[in-house]
N, C-alpha and C. Protein backbone atom coordinates (compact mmCIF):
# COMPACT_ATOMS: atom_id res chain seq x y z
N UNK A 1 9.58 -104.26 -4.45
CA UNK A 1 9.28 -103.35 -5.01
C UNK A 1 9.74 -101.75 -4.52
N UNK A 2 10.41 -101.05 -4.83
CA UNK A 2 10.65 -99.38 -4.79
C UNK A 2 10.43 -98.79 -5.39
N UNK A 3 10.31 -97.48 -5.57
CA UNK A 3 9.37 -96.15 -5.59
C UNK A 3 9.86 -96.92 -7.20
N UNK A 4 10.90 -96.43 -8.36
CA UNK A 4 11.54 -96.54 -9.39
C UNK A 4 10.39 -97.63 -10.04
N UNK A 5 10.22 -99.22 -9.44
CA UNK A 5 10.12 -100.28 -10.44
C UNK A 5 8.37 -99.66 -10.06
N UNK A 6 8.14 -99.26 -9.31
CA UNK A 6 5.85 -98.99 -8.95
C UNK A 6 5.73 -97.84 -10.17
N UNK A 7 6.57 -96.34 -10.50
CA UNK A 7 6.66 -95.89 -11.14
C UNK A 7 6.51 -96.18 -12.73
N UNK A 8 7.00 -96.93 -12.51
CA UNK A 8 7.33 -98.42 -13.61
C UNK A 8 5.99 -99.07 -14.59
N UNK A 9 6.38 -99.43 -13.53
CA UNK A 9 4.90 -100.12 -12.86
C UNK A 9 3.18 -99.27 -13.48
N UNK A 10 2.93 -98.28 -12.92
CA UNK A 10 2.12 -97.67 -13.09
C UNK A 10 2.06 -97.49 -14.30
N UNK A 11 3.10 -96.53 -15.63
CA UNK A 11 3.35 -95.70 -16.70
C UNK A 11 3.12 -96.96 -17.25
N UNK A 12 3.20 -98.42 -16.59
CA UNK A 12 3.15 -99.21 -18.22
C UNK A 12 1.90 -99.65 -18.20
N UNK A 13 0.71 -100.07 -17.21
CA UNK A 13 -0.14 -100.32 -17.00
C UNK A 13 -1.07 -98.88 -17.17
N UNK A 14 -0.68 -97.38 -17.06
CA UNK A 14 -1.45 -96.72 -17.51
C UNK A 14 -1.26 -95.54 -18.91
N UNK A 15 -0.86 -96.22 -19.23
CA UNK A 15 -0.11 -95.73 -20.50
C UNK A 15 0.85 -94.16 -20.56
N UNK A 16 1.17 -94.37 -19.84
CA UNK A 16 2.18 -92.47 -19.60
C UNK A 16 2.86 -93.09 -19.39
N UNK A 17 3.88 -91.89 -19.95
CA UNK A 17 5.44 -91.92 -19.24
C UNK A 17 6.05 -92.11 -18.17
N UNK A 18 7.11 -92.41 -18.16
CA UNK A 18 7.10 -92.72 -16.40
C UNK A 18 7.27 -91.44 -15.91
N UNK A 19 7.61 -90.25 -16.17
CA UNK A 19 7.96 -88.72 -15.74
C UNK A 19 6.40 -88.97 -15.17
N UNK A 20 5.27 -88.57 -16.41
CA UNK A 20 4.35 -88.29 -15.47
C UNK A 20 3.83 -89.30 -14.43
N UNK A 21 4.24 -90.56 -14.68
CA UNK A 21 2.91 -91.94 -13.89
C UNK A 21 4.00 -90.85 -12.35
N UNK A 22 5.62 -90.76 -12.45
CA UNK A 22 5.74 -90.18 -11.31
C UNK A 22 5.73 -89.15 -10.71
N UNK A 23 5.20 -88.50 -11.53
CA UNK A 23 4.34 -86.75 -11.00
C UNK A 23 3.43 -87.64 -10.80
N UNK A 24 2.63 -88.40 -10.98
CA UNK A 24 0.71 -88.46 -10.52
C UNK A 24 1.21 -89.26 -9.77
N UNK A 25 2.17 -90.37 -8.95
CA UNK A 25 2.40 -90.67 -7.78
C UNK A 25 3.26 -89.74 -6.87
N UNK A 26 4.18 -88.96 -6.75
CA UNK A 26 4.40 -88.22 -6.37
C UNK A 26 3.76 -87.18 -5.69
N UNK A 27 2.15 -86.38 -6.04
CA UNK A 27 1.14 -86.21 -6.29
C UNK A 27 0.39 -86.36 -5.10
N UNK A 28 -0.11 -87.78 -5.20
CA UNK A 28 -0.49 -88.34 -4.87
C UNK A 28 -0.30 -88.86 -2.80
N UNK A 29 0.28 -89.35 -3.66
CA UNK A 29 1.62 -89.44 -1.60
C UNK A 29 1.50 -88.26 -0.79
N UNK A 30 1.84 -86.79 -1.78
CA UNK A 30 1.59 -85.57 -0.92
C UNK A 30 0.48 -85.36 -0.36
N UNK A 31 -0.13 -84.79 -0.77
CA UNK A 31 -2.47 -85.18 -1.15
C UNK A 31 -2.18 -85.96 0.85
N UNK A 32 -1.79 -87.55 0.53
CA UNK A 32 -1.86 -88.23 1.53
C UNK A 32 -1.35 -87.77 2.60
N UNK A 33 -0.17 -87.34 2.57
CA UNK A 33 0.34 -86.49 3.46
C UNK A 33 0.44 -85.56 4.08
N UNK A 34 0.09 -84.95 3.42
CA UNK A 34 -0.80 -83.64 4.10
C UNK A 34 -2.47 -83.87 5.05
N UNK A 35 -3.39 -84.66 4.31
CA UNK A 35 -4.21 -84.76 5.10
C UNK A 35 -4.06 -85.64 6.31
N UNK A 36 -2.81 -85.86 6.17
CA UNK A 36 -3.19 -87.00 8.14
C UNK A 36 -2.17 -86.13 8.59
N UNK A 37 -1.51 -85.12 7.55
CA UNK A 37 -0.94 -84.02 8.87
C UNK A 37 -2.70 -83.46 10.03
N UNK A 38 -2.87 -83.60 9.34
CA UNK A 38 -4.23 -82.47 9.37
C UNK A 38 -5.10 -83.01 9.85
N UNK A 39 -5.03 -84.34 10.64
CA UNK A 39 -5.34 -85.27 11.87
C UNK A 39 -7.15 -85.81 10.40
N UNK A 40 -6.39 -85.30 9.50
CA UNK A 40 -7.93 -86.40 8.07
C UNK A 40 -7.96 -87.74 8.13
N UNK A 41 -8.19 -88.57 7.69
CA UNK A 41 -8.36 -90.08 7.40
C UNK A 41 -9.00 -90.23 5.43
N UNK A 42 -7.84 -91.10 4.86
CA UNK A 42 -7.83 -90.74 3.55
C UNK A 42 -8.60 -92.65 4.06
N UNK A 43 -9.80 -93.07 3.21
CA UNK A 43 -10.55 -94.44 3.09
C UNK A 43 -10.93 -93.94 1.35
N UNK A 44 -9.76 -95.73 0.98
CA UNK A 44 -9.99 -95.74 -0.42
C UNK A 44 -10.49 -97.52 -0.41
N UNK A 45 -11.61 -97.43 -0.81
CA UNK A 45 -12.74 -98.50 -1.04
C UNK A 45 -11.94 -99.83 -1.47
N UNK A 46 -12.05 -100.70 -0.71
CA UNK A 46 -11.13 -101.90 -1.35
C UNK A 46 -9.80 -101.91 -1.19
N UNK A 47 -9.31 -100.66 -0.64
CA UNK A 47 -7.36 -100.64 -0.55
C UNK A 47 -7.71 -101.06 1.05
N UNK A 48 -7.71 -99.57 1.59
CA UNK A 48 -8.02 -99.76 3.01
C UNK A 48 -8.38 -97.88 3.11
N UNK A 49 -7.52 -97.82 4.66
CA UNK A 49 -7.81 -96.79 5.20
C UNK A 49 -6.51 -96.45 6.48
N UNK A 50 -6.58 -95.11 6.13
CA UNK A 50 -5.09 -94.50 6.93
C UNK A 50 -4.90 -93.27 7.47
N UNK A 51 -5.00 -93.09 9.09
CA UNK A 51 -5.59 -92.65 10.05
C UNK A 51 -4.62 -92.28 10.74
N UNK A 52 -4.71 -91.47 11.94
CA UNK A 52 -3.57 -90.86 12.60
C UNK A 52 -4.24 -91.41 14.04
N UNK A 53 -3.58 -91.85 14.53
CA UNK A 53 -3.98 -92.48 16.31
C UNK A 53 -2.86 -91.49 17.33
N UNK A 54 -3.36 -91.72 17.49
CA UNK A 54 -2.10 -90.78 19.81
C UNK A 54 -1.59 -92.25 20.14
N UNK A 55 -1.07 -92.70 20.80
CA UNK A 55 -0.15 -93.68 21.12
C UNK A 55 0.41 -93.27 22.61
N UNK A 56 -0.27 -93.22 23.35
CA UNK A 56 -0.06 -93.03 24.61
C UNK A 56 0.80 -93.32 25.09
N UNK A 57 1.98 -92.28 26.10
CA UNK A 57 3.25 -92.69 26.50
C UNK A 57 2.98 -93.83 27.78
N UNK A 58 4.56 -94.20 27.95
CA UNK A 58 4.54 -95.52 28.39
C UNK A 58 5.92 -95.41 29.10
N UNK A 59 5.97 -96.71 29.37
CA UNK A 59 7.21 -96.75 30.39
C UNK A 59 7.99 -98.39 29.29
N UNK A 60 9.42 -97.79 29.10
CA UNK A 60 9.78 -99.21 28.55
C UNK A 60 10.94 -99.24 28.76
N UNK A 61 11.68 -99.94 28.61
CA UNK A 61 13.76 -100.19 28.68
C UNK A 61 14.01 -100.72 27.77
N UNK A 62 15.24 -100.09 27.99
CA UNK A 62 16.33 -99.89 27.30
C UNK A 62 17.36 -101.02 27.26
N UNK A 63 17.26 -101.62 25.88
CA UNK A 63 17.42 -102.93 26.32
C UNK A 63 19.32 -103.45 26.52
N UNK A 64 20.16 -102.30 26.44
CA UNK A 64 21.72 -102.11 26.52
C UNK A 64 21.67 -102.06 27.70
N UNK A 65 21.22 -101.18 29.45
CA UNK A 65 21.07 -101.35 29.39
C UNK A 65 19.82 -102.15 31.08
N UNK A 66 18.94 -101.92 30.99
CA UNK A 66 17.91 -102.44 31.42
C UNK A 66 17.36 -101.21 32.29
N UNK A 67 17.45 -100.41 31.94
CA UNK A 67 17.27 -98.94 33.03
C UNK A 67 15.62 -98.66 32.25
N UNK A 68 14.26 -98.32 33.20
CA UNK A 68 13.38 -97.96 32.63
C UNK A 68 13.17 -96.79 31.60
N UNK A 69 12.88 -97.16 30.93
CA UNK A 69 12.92 -95.01 30.58
C UNK A 69 11.05 -94.91 30.16
N UNK A 70 11.02 -93.81 29.90
CA UNK A 70 10.03 -93.14 29.83
C UNK A 70 9.71 -92.73 28.03
N UNK A 71 8.72 -93.32 27.41
CA UNK A 71 8.26 -93.76 26.10
C UNK A 71 7.35 -91.88 26.23
N UNK A 72 7.75 -91.43 25.53
CA UNK A 72 6.54 -89.45 25.30
C UNK A 72 5.20 -90.57 24.42
N UNK A 73 3.72 -89.45 24.58
CA UNK A 73 3.02 -90.19 23.72
C UNK A 73 3.19 -89.31 22.22
N UNK A 74 3.05 -90.21 21.37
CA UNK A 74 2.43 -89.43 20.46
C UNK A 74 1.96 -89.99 18.94
N UNK A 75 1.75 -88.63 18.10
CA UNK A 75 0.54 -89.70 16.67
C UNK A 75 1.53 -90.17 15.76
N UNK A 76 0.79 -91.74 15.59
CA UNK A 76 1.14 -92.29 14.71
C UNK A 76 0.45 -92.26 13.13
N UNK A 77 1.20 -93.25 12.27
CA UNK A 77 0.13 -93.35 10.71
C UNK A 77 -0.58 -94.84 11.64
N UNK A 78 -1.48 -95.07 11.01
CA UNK A 78 -2.79 -96.75 10.85
C UNK A 78 -2.75 -96.94 9.48
N UNK A 79 -2.94 -97.70 9.58
CA UNK A 79 -3.15 -98.41 8.29
C UNK A 79 -3.69 -99.74 8.63
N UNK A 80 -5.23 -99.68 7.98
CA UNK A 80 -6.42 -100.69 8.17
C UNK A 80 -6.39 -101.05 6.42
N UNK A 81 -5.99 -102.43 6.28
CA UNK A 81 -6.42 -102.63 5.19
C UNK A 81 -7.98 -102.71 4.83
N UNK A 82 -8.37 -102.48 3.19
CA UNK A 82 -9.84 -103.08 2.83
C UNK A 82 -9.92 -104.83 2.98
N UNK A 83 -11.03 -105.22 2.77
CA UNK A 83 -11.35 -106.02 2.17
C UNK A 83 -10.74 -106.72 1.42
N UNK A 84 -10.76 -105.68 -0.28
CA UNK A 84 -10.32 -106.57 -1.47
C UNK A 84 -8.88 -106.77 -1.14
N UNK A 85 -7.96 -106.19 -0.59
CA UNK A 85 -6.65 -105.86 -0.36
C UNK A 85 -6.32 -107.59 0.56
N UNK A 86 -7.53 -107.42 1.15
CA UNK A 86 -6.56 -108.72 2.37
C UNK A 86 -7.14 -109.95 1.34
N UNK A 87 -8.11 -110.33 0.57
CA UNK A 87 -8.19 -110.93 -0.17
C UNK A 87 -7.29 -111.38 -1.40
N UNK A 88 -7.03 -110.03 -1.53
CA UNK A 88 -6.40 -110.88 -2.84
C UNK A 88 -4.74 -111.03 -2.36
N UNK A 89 -4.12 -110.60 -1.17
CA UNK A 89 -3.09 -111.37 -0.26
C UNK A 89 -3.66 -112.43 0.33
N UNK A 90 -4.32 -113.20 0.90
CA UNK A 90 -4.19 -113.91 2.34
C UNK A 90 -5.35 -114.84 1.36
N UNK A 91 -5.28 -115.54 0.39
CA UNK A 91 -5.84 -116.88 -0.47
C UNK A 91 -5.18 -117.67 -0.57
N UNK A 92 -5.51 -118.43 0.70
CA UNK A 92 -3.99 -119.40 0.45
C UNK A 92 -5.42 -121.06 0.69
N UNK A 93 -4.36 -122.13 -0.06
CA UNK A 93 -4.85 -123.16 -0.28
C UNK A 93 -4.74 -124.13 0.77
N UNK A 94 -6.81 -124.33 0.98
CA UNK A 94 -6.71 -124.90 2.22
C UNK A 94 -6.40 -126.82 2.81
N UNK A 95 -5.49 -126.12 3.95
CA UNK A 95 -5.04 -127.46 3.93
C UNK A 95 -5.39 -128.25 5.26
N UNK A 96 -4.81 -129.60 6.25
CA UNK A 96 -5.52 -129.23 7.24
C UNK A 96 -6.17 -128.02 8.71
N UNK A 97 -7.13 -128.07 8.59
CA UNK A 97 -7.78 -126.66 9.58
C UNK A 97 -7.47 -125.79 8.96
N UNK A 98 -7.56 -125.39 7.68
CA UNK A 98 -7.26 -123.51 7.25
C UNK A 98 -5.75 -123.56 7.39
N UNK A 99 -5.03 -122.45 7.14
CA UNK A 99 -4.16 -121.21 6.81
C UNK A 99 -3.47 -120.85 8.24
N UNK A 100 -4.40 -120.55 9.19
CA UNK A 100 -5.07 -120.14 10.90
C UNK A 100 -4.68 -118.91 10.27
N UNK A 101 -4.45 -118.01 9.26
CA UNK A 101 -4.87 -116.63 9.15
C UNK A 101 -6.22 -116.04 9.49
N UNK A 102 -7.31 -116.70 9.41
CA UNK A 102 -8.75 -115.72 8.88
C UNK A 102 -8.94 -115.28 7.92
N UNK A 103 -8.24 -115.47 6.96
CA UNK A 103 -8.60 -115.68 5.35
C UNK A 103 -9.63 -116.38 5.66
N UNK A 104 -10.02 -115.75 3.72
CA UNK A 104 -10.80 -116.30 3.13
C UNK A 104 -9.99 -118.31 2.64
N UNK A 105 -9.90 -119.19 3.31
CA UNK A 105 -9.29 -120.27 2.15
C UNK A 105 -10.12 -121.04 1.23
N UNK A 106 -9.51 -121.22 0.10
CA UNK A 106 -9.96 -121.87 -0.73
C UNK A 106 -9.66 -123.64 -0.80
N UNK A 107 -10.46 -124.31 -1.17
CA UNK A 107 -9.86 -126.00 -1.21
C UNK A 107 -9.53 -126.45 -2.13
N UNK A 108 -7.96 -127.36 -2.32
CA UNK A 108 -7.28 -127.20 -3.10
C UNK A 108 -7.67 -128.39 -4.06
N UNK A 109 -7.74 -128.31 -5.47
CA UNK A 109 -8.19 -129.43 -6.11
C UNK A 109 -7.30 -130.76 -6.68
N UNK A 110 -7.45 -131.77 -6.88
CA UNK A 110 -6.85 -133.01 -6.30
C UNK A 110 -7.25 -132.62 -8.50
N UNK A 111 -5.98 -133.26 -9.34
CA UNK A 111 -6.11 -133.73 -10.05
C UNK A 111 -6.09 -135.38 -10.68
């Protein structure tokens, strides 16, 4: 789903015009981006949490030449999904031994 499709779904679900839905989405994304730029954590209960972590400097390898390169430390955005989001995405029919991903599997009902 791209941004235009998301705007359409938001407008449809909330009885807004597409312009109002796009303005709302853009405002939400701007607020999240500004908060993350200020090293704040954003927690949306049931959906997940956005935070900033410091990735340490490390040594890598150039895949073309094989030479070692130094990769500088940097801040990156981390997203941790909430339980409700995990459950809505990863409910699978229980096969032999479960699905293997650690989610809450459900038993298949035979007719």
